[in-house]
Amino acid sequence: MITFSPKLGKSKAKQIQDEIVQDELLRELLTTQQELYSAYADFENVIDPDLIDSCIYQLKAAQLKYKFLLNRVKSEEKYLMDS
């Protein structure tokens, strides 16, 4: 966390902190997107019923995580625009 520095100023420190949070969210979103692509590829290549079920669970988990992160990124962008 960035702390207040007389040289930096409170508003600049807050801006930098917000940008760091946004960058971390975007990085996590991209990682989750890669997990989603990987889960789709795995699903397309398995034939064992147990593995198919496993891939379906992985797909659903990645989809939910991606949706959550995308909503967080959008809300952070809205927050930054309103600030």
N, C-alpha and C. Protein backbone atom coordinates (compact mmCIF):
# COMPACT_ATOMS: atom_id res chain seq x y z
N MET A 1 0.84 -1.17 0.00
CA MET A 1 0.00 0.00 0.00
C MET A 1 0.89 1.23 0.00
N ILE A 2 0.47 2.23 -0.73
CA ILE A 2 1.22 3.48 -0.81
C ILE A 2 0.78 4.37 0.35
N THR A 3 1.74 4.90 1.05
CA THR A 3 1.43 5.78 2.17
C THR A 3 1.64 7.23 1.76
N PHE A 4 1.04 8.11 2.51
CA PHE A 4 1.14 9.54 2.23
C PHE A 4 2.56 10.02 2.44
N SER A 5 3.04 10.76 1.49
CA SER A 5 4.34 11.39 1.57
C SER A 5 4.14 12.87 1.27
N PRO A 6 4.71 13.77 2.07
CA PRO A 6 4.53 15.19 1.79
C PRO A 6 4.93 15.57 0.37
N LYS A 7 5.92 14.90 -0.18
CA LYS A 7 6.35 15.19 -1.53
C LYS A 7 5.35 14.70 -2.57
N LEU A 8 4.67 13.62 -2.26
CA LEU A 8 3.77 12.97 -3.20
C LEU A 8 2.38 13.59 -3.20
N GLY A 9 1.86 13.91 -2.05
CA GLY A 9 0.51 14.45 -1.94
C GLY A 9 -0.50 13.32 -1.83
N LYS A 10 -1.57 13.56 -1.07
CA LYS A 10 -2.58 12.53 -0.84
C LYS A 10 -3.28 12.13 -2.12
N SER A 11 -3.66 13.07 -2.95
CA SER A 11 -4.42 12.73 -4.15
C SER A 11 -3.56 11.94 -5.14
N LYS A 12 -2.31 12.28 -5.27
CA LYS A 12 -1.42 11.56 -6.19
C LYS A 12 -1.18 10.15 -5.67
N ALA A 13 -0.99 10.00 -4.37
CA ALA A 13 -0.79 8.68 -3.78
C ALA A 13 -2.03 7.81 -4.01
N LYS A 14 -3.20 8.37 -3.86
CA LYS A 14 -4.46 7.64 -4.09
C LYS A 14 -4.58 7.24 -5.55
N GLN A 15 -4.20 8.13 -6.45
CA GLN A 15 -4.26 7.85 -7.88
C GLN A 15 -3.33 6.69 -8.24
N ILE A 16 -2.12 6.72 -7.69
CA ILE A 16 -1.16 5.65 -7.96
C ILE A 16 -1.67 4.32 -7.41
N GLN A 17 -2.22 4.36 -6.21
CA GLN A 17 -2.76 3.15 -5.60
C GLN A 17 -3.91 2.59 -6.44
N ASP A 18 -4.80 3.45 -6.93
CA ASP A 18 -5.91 3.02 -7.78
C ASP A 18 -5.40 2.38 -9.07
N GLU A 19 -4.35 2.96 -9.65
CA GLU A 19 -3.78 2.40 -10.87
C GLU A 19 -3.16 1.04 -10.63
N ILE A 20 -2.53 0.86 -9.49
CA ILE A 20 -1.95 -0.43 -9.14
C ILE A 20 -3.04 -1.48 -9.00
N VAL A 21 -4.11 -1.14 -8.33
CA VAL A 21 -5.24 -2.06 -8.18
C VAL A 21 -5.81 -2.42 -9.54
N GLN A 22 -5.98 -1.44 -10.39
CA GLN A 22 -6.51 -1.67 -11.74
C GLN A 22 -5.58 -2.59 -12.53
N ASP A 23 -4.28 -2.35 -12.45
CA ASP A 23 -3.31 -3.19 -13.16
C ASP A 23 -3.36 -4.63 -12.66
N GLU A 24 -3.46 -4.81 -11.35
CA GLU A 24 -3.52 -6.16 -10.78
C GLU A 24 -4.79 -6.88 -11.23
N LEU A 25 -5.91 -6.15 -11.25
CA LEU A 25 -7.16 -6.75 -11.71
C LEU A 25 -7.06 -7.17 -13.18
N LEU A 26 -6.50 -6.32 -14.01
CA LEU A 26 -6.35 -6.64 -15.43
C LEU A 26 -5.43 -7.84 -15.64
N ARG A 27 -4.35 -7.89 -14.87
CA ARG A 27 -3.43 -9.02 -14.96
C ARG A 27 -4.13 -10.33 -14.56
N GLU A 28 -4.90 -10.28 -13.48
CA GLU A 28 -5.64 -11.46 -13.04
C GLU A 28 -6.71 -11.85 -14.06
N LEU A 29 -7.33 -10.86 -14.68
CA LEU A 29 -8.33 -11.13 -15.71
C LEU A 29 -7.70 -11.85 -16.91
N LEU A 30 -6.53 -11.40 -17.32
CA LEU A 30 -5.83 -12.04 -18.44
C LEU A 30 -5.40 -13.46 -18.09
N THR A 31 -4.94 -13.66 -16.87
CA THR A 31 -4.56 -15.00 -16.41
C THR A 31 -5.78 -15.93 -16.43
N THR A 32 -6.90 -15.43 -15.95
CA THR A 32 -8.12 -16.22 -15.93
C THR A 32 -8.61 -16.50 -17.35
N GLN A 33 -8.43 -15.56 -18.25
CA GLN A 33 -8.79 -15.78 -19.64
C GLN A 33 -7.97 -16.94 -20.23
N GLN A 34 -6.69 -16.98 -19.90
CA GLN A 34 -5.85 -18.08 -20.36
C GLN A 34 -6.30 -19.41 -19.75
N GLU A 35 -6.70 -19.40 -18.48
CA GLU A 35 -7.22 -20.60 -17.84
C GLU A 35 -8.49 -21.08 -18.54
N LEU A 36 -9.31 -20.13 -18.94
CA LEU A 36 -10.55 -20.45 -19.64
C LEU A 36 -10.26 -21.09 -21.00
N TYR A 37 -9.33 -20.51 -21.75
CA TYR A 37 -8.95 -21.09 -23.04
C TYR A 37 -8.39 -22.50 -22.86
N SER A 38 -7.59 -22.68 -21.84
CA SER A 38 -7.00 -23.99 -21.55
C SER A 38 -8.09 -25.00 -21.19
N ALA A 39 -9.05 -24.58 -20.39
CA ALA A 39 -10.15 -25.47 -20.01
C ALA A 39 -10.98 -25.87 -21.22
N TYR A 40 -11.23 -24.92 -22.13
CA TYR A 40 -11.95 -25.25 -23.37
C TYR A 40 -11.15 -26.24 -24.21
N ALA A 41 -9.86 -26.04 -24.33
CA ALA A 41 -9.02 -26.95 -25.10
C ALA A 41 -9.02 -28.35 -24.49
N ASP A 42 -8.91 -28.41 -23.17
CA ASP A 42 -8.95 -29.71 -22.49
C ASP A 42 -10.28 -30.41 -22.75
N PHE A 43 -11.36 -29.66 -22.64
CA PHE A 43 -12.70 -30.22 -22.84
C PHE A 43 -12.86 -30.80 -24.24
N GLU A 44 -12.32 -30.12 -25.23
CA GLU A 44 -12.44 -30.58 -26.61
C GLU A 44 -11.61 -31.83 -26.89
N ASN A 45 -10.64 -32.13 -26.04
CA ASN A 45 -9.72 -33.23 -26.32
C ASN A 45 -9.89 -34.46 -25.44
N VAL A 46 -10.79 -34.43 -24.48
CA VAL A 46 -10.96 -35.61 -23.60
C VAL A 46 -12.10 -36.48 -24.10
N ILE A 47 -11.99 -37.78 -23.80
CA ILE A 47 -13.06 -38.70 -24.19
C ILE A 47 -13.59 -39.51 -23.00
N ASP A 48 -12.83 -39.57 -21.94
CA ASP A 48 -13.27 -40.30 -20.75
C ASP A 48 -14.37 -39.52 -20.04
N PRO A 49 -15.48 -40.17 -19.71
CA PRO A 49 -16.60 -39.46 -19.07
C PRO A 49 -16.23 -38.74 -17.77
N ASP A 50 -15.35 -39.35 -16.97
CA ASP A 50 -14.94 -38.69 -15.72
C ASP A 50 -14.13 -37.43 -16.02
N LEU A 51 -13.28 -37.49 -17.03
CA LEU A 51 -12.51 -36.30 -17.40
C LEU A 51 -13.40 -35.23 -18.01
N ILE A 52 -14.41 -35.64 -18.72
CA ILE A 52 -15.36 -34.67 -19.29
C ILE A 52 -16.03 -33.91 -18.15
N ASP A 53 -16.48 -34.63 -17.14
CA ASP A 53 -17.09 -33.97 -15.98
C ASP A 53 -16.11 -33.01 -15.32
N SER A 54 -14.87 -33.45 -15.17
CA SER A 54 -13.85 -32.60 -14.56
C SER A 54 -13.64 -31.32 -15.37
N CYS A 55 -13.58 -31.48 -16.69
CA CYS A 55 -13.41 -30.30 -17.57
C CYS A 55 -14.59 -29.35 -17.48
N ILE A 56 -15.78 -29.91 -17.36
CA ILE A 56 -16.97 -29.06 -17.23
C ILE A 56 -16.87 -28.23 -15.96
N TYR A 57 -16.46 -28.84 -14.86
CA TYR A 57 -16.30 -28.10 -13.60
C TYR A 57 -15.22 -27.02 -13.73
N GLN A 58 -14.11 -27.37 -14.39
CA GLN A 58 -13.05 -26.38 -14.60
C GLN A 58 -13.54 -25.22 -15.45
N LEU A 59 -14.29 -25.53 -16.50
CA LEU A 59 -14.85 -24.48 -17.36
C LEU A 59 -15.77 -23.56 -16.58
N LYS A 60 -16.66 -24.16 -15.82
CA LYS A 60 -17.62 -23.35 -15.05
C LYS A 60 -16.89 -22.47 -14.03
N ALA A 61 -15.89 -23.03 -13.36
CA ALA A 61 -15.14 -22.25 -12.38
C ALA A 61 -14.41 -21.08 -13.04
N ALA A 62 -13.79 -21.35 -14.19
CA ALA A 62 -13.07 -20.29 -14.90
C ALA A 62 -14.03 -19.23 -15.42
N GLN A 63 -15.19 -19.65 -15.90
CA GLN A 63 -16.19 -18.70 -16.39
C GLN A 63 -16.68 -17.78 -15.27
N LEU A 64 -16.97 -18.36 -14.11
CA LEU A 64 -17.44 -17.56 -12.98
C LEU A 64 -16.37 -16.60 -12.48
N LYS A 65 -15.14 -17.07 -12.43
CA LYS A 65 -14.03 -16.21 -12.00
C LYS A 65 -13.83 -15.07 -12.99
N TYR A 66 -13.89 -15.38 -14.28
CA TYR A 66 -13.73 -14.36 -15.31
C TYR A 66 -14.84 -13.31 -15.22
N LYS A 67 -16.06 -13.78 -15.04
CA LYS A 67 -17.20 -12.85 -14.92
C LYS A 67 -17.03 -11.94 -13.71
N PHE A 68 -16.62 -12.51 -12.58
CA PHE A 68 -16.40 -11.74 -11.37
C PHE A 68 -15.34 -10.67 -11.59
N LEU A 69 -14.21 -11.08 -12.16
CA LEU A 69 -13.11 -10.13 -12.37
C LEU A 69 -13.48 -9.05 -13.38
N LEU A 70 -14.20 -9.42 -14.42
CA LEU A 70 -14.63 -8.45 -15.42
C LEU A 70 -15.54 -7.39 -14.78
N ASN A 71 -16.45 -7.84 -13.93
CA ASN A 71 -17.31 -6.88 -13.22
C ASN A 71 -16.51 -5.98 -12.29
N ARG A 72 -15.50 -6.53 -11.63
CA ARG A 72 -14.63 -5.72 -10.77
C ARG A 72 -13.87 -4.67 -11.57
N VAL A 73 -13.33 -5.07 -12.72
CA VAL A 73 -12.60 -4.13 -13.58
C VAL A 73 -13.54 -3.01 -14.02
N LYS A 74 -14.74 -3.38 -14.43
CA LYS A 74 -15.71 -2.36 -14.87
C LYS A 74 -16.08 -1.41 -13.74
N SER A 75 -16.28 -1.95 -12.55
CA SER A 75 -16.64 -1.08 -11.42
C SER A 75 -15.47 -0.18 -11.02
N GLU A 76 -14.25 -0.69 -11.11
CA GLU A 76 -13.07 0.14 -10.82
C GLU A 76 -12.93 1.25 -11.86
N GLU A 77 -13.17 0.93 -13.12
CA GLU A 77 -13.10 1.95 -14.16
C GLU A 77 -14.14 3.03 -13.92
N LYS A 78 -15.34 2.62 -13.53
CA LYS A 78 -16.40 3.59 -13.25
C LYS A 78 -16.01 4.46 -12.06
N TYR A 79 -15.44 3.83 -11.04
CA TYR A 79 -15.00 4.55 -9.85
C TYR A 79 -13.93 5.59 -10.22
N LEU A 80 -12.97 5.17 -11.06
CA LEU A 80 -11.90 6.08 -11.46
C LEU A 80 -12.43 7.22 -12.32
N MET A 81 -13.43 6.95 -13.13
CA MET A 81 -14.01 8.01 -13.97
C MET A 81 -14.77 9.03 -13.11
N ASP A 82 -15.42 8.53 -12.05
CA ASP A 82 -16.20 9.42 -11.19
C ASP A 82 -15.34 10.22 -10.23
N SER A 83 -14.11 9.77 -10.00
CA SER A 83 -13.22 10.45 -9.05
C SER A 83 -12.67 11.74 -9.59
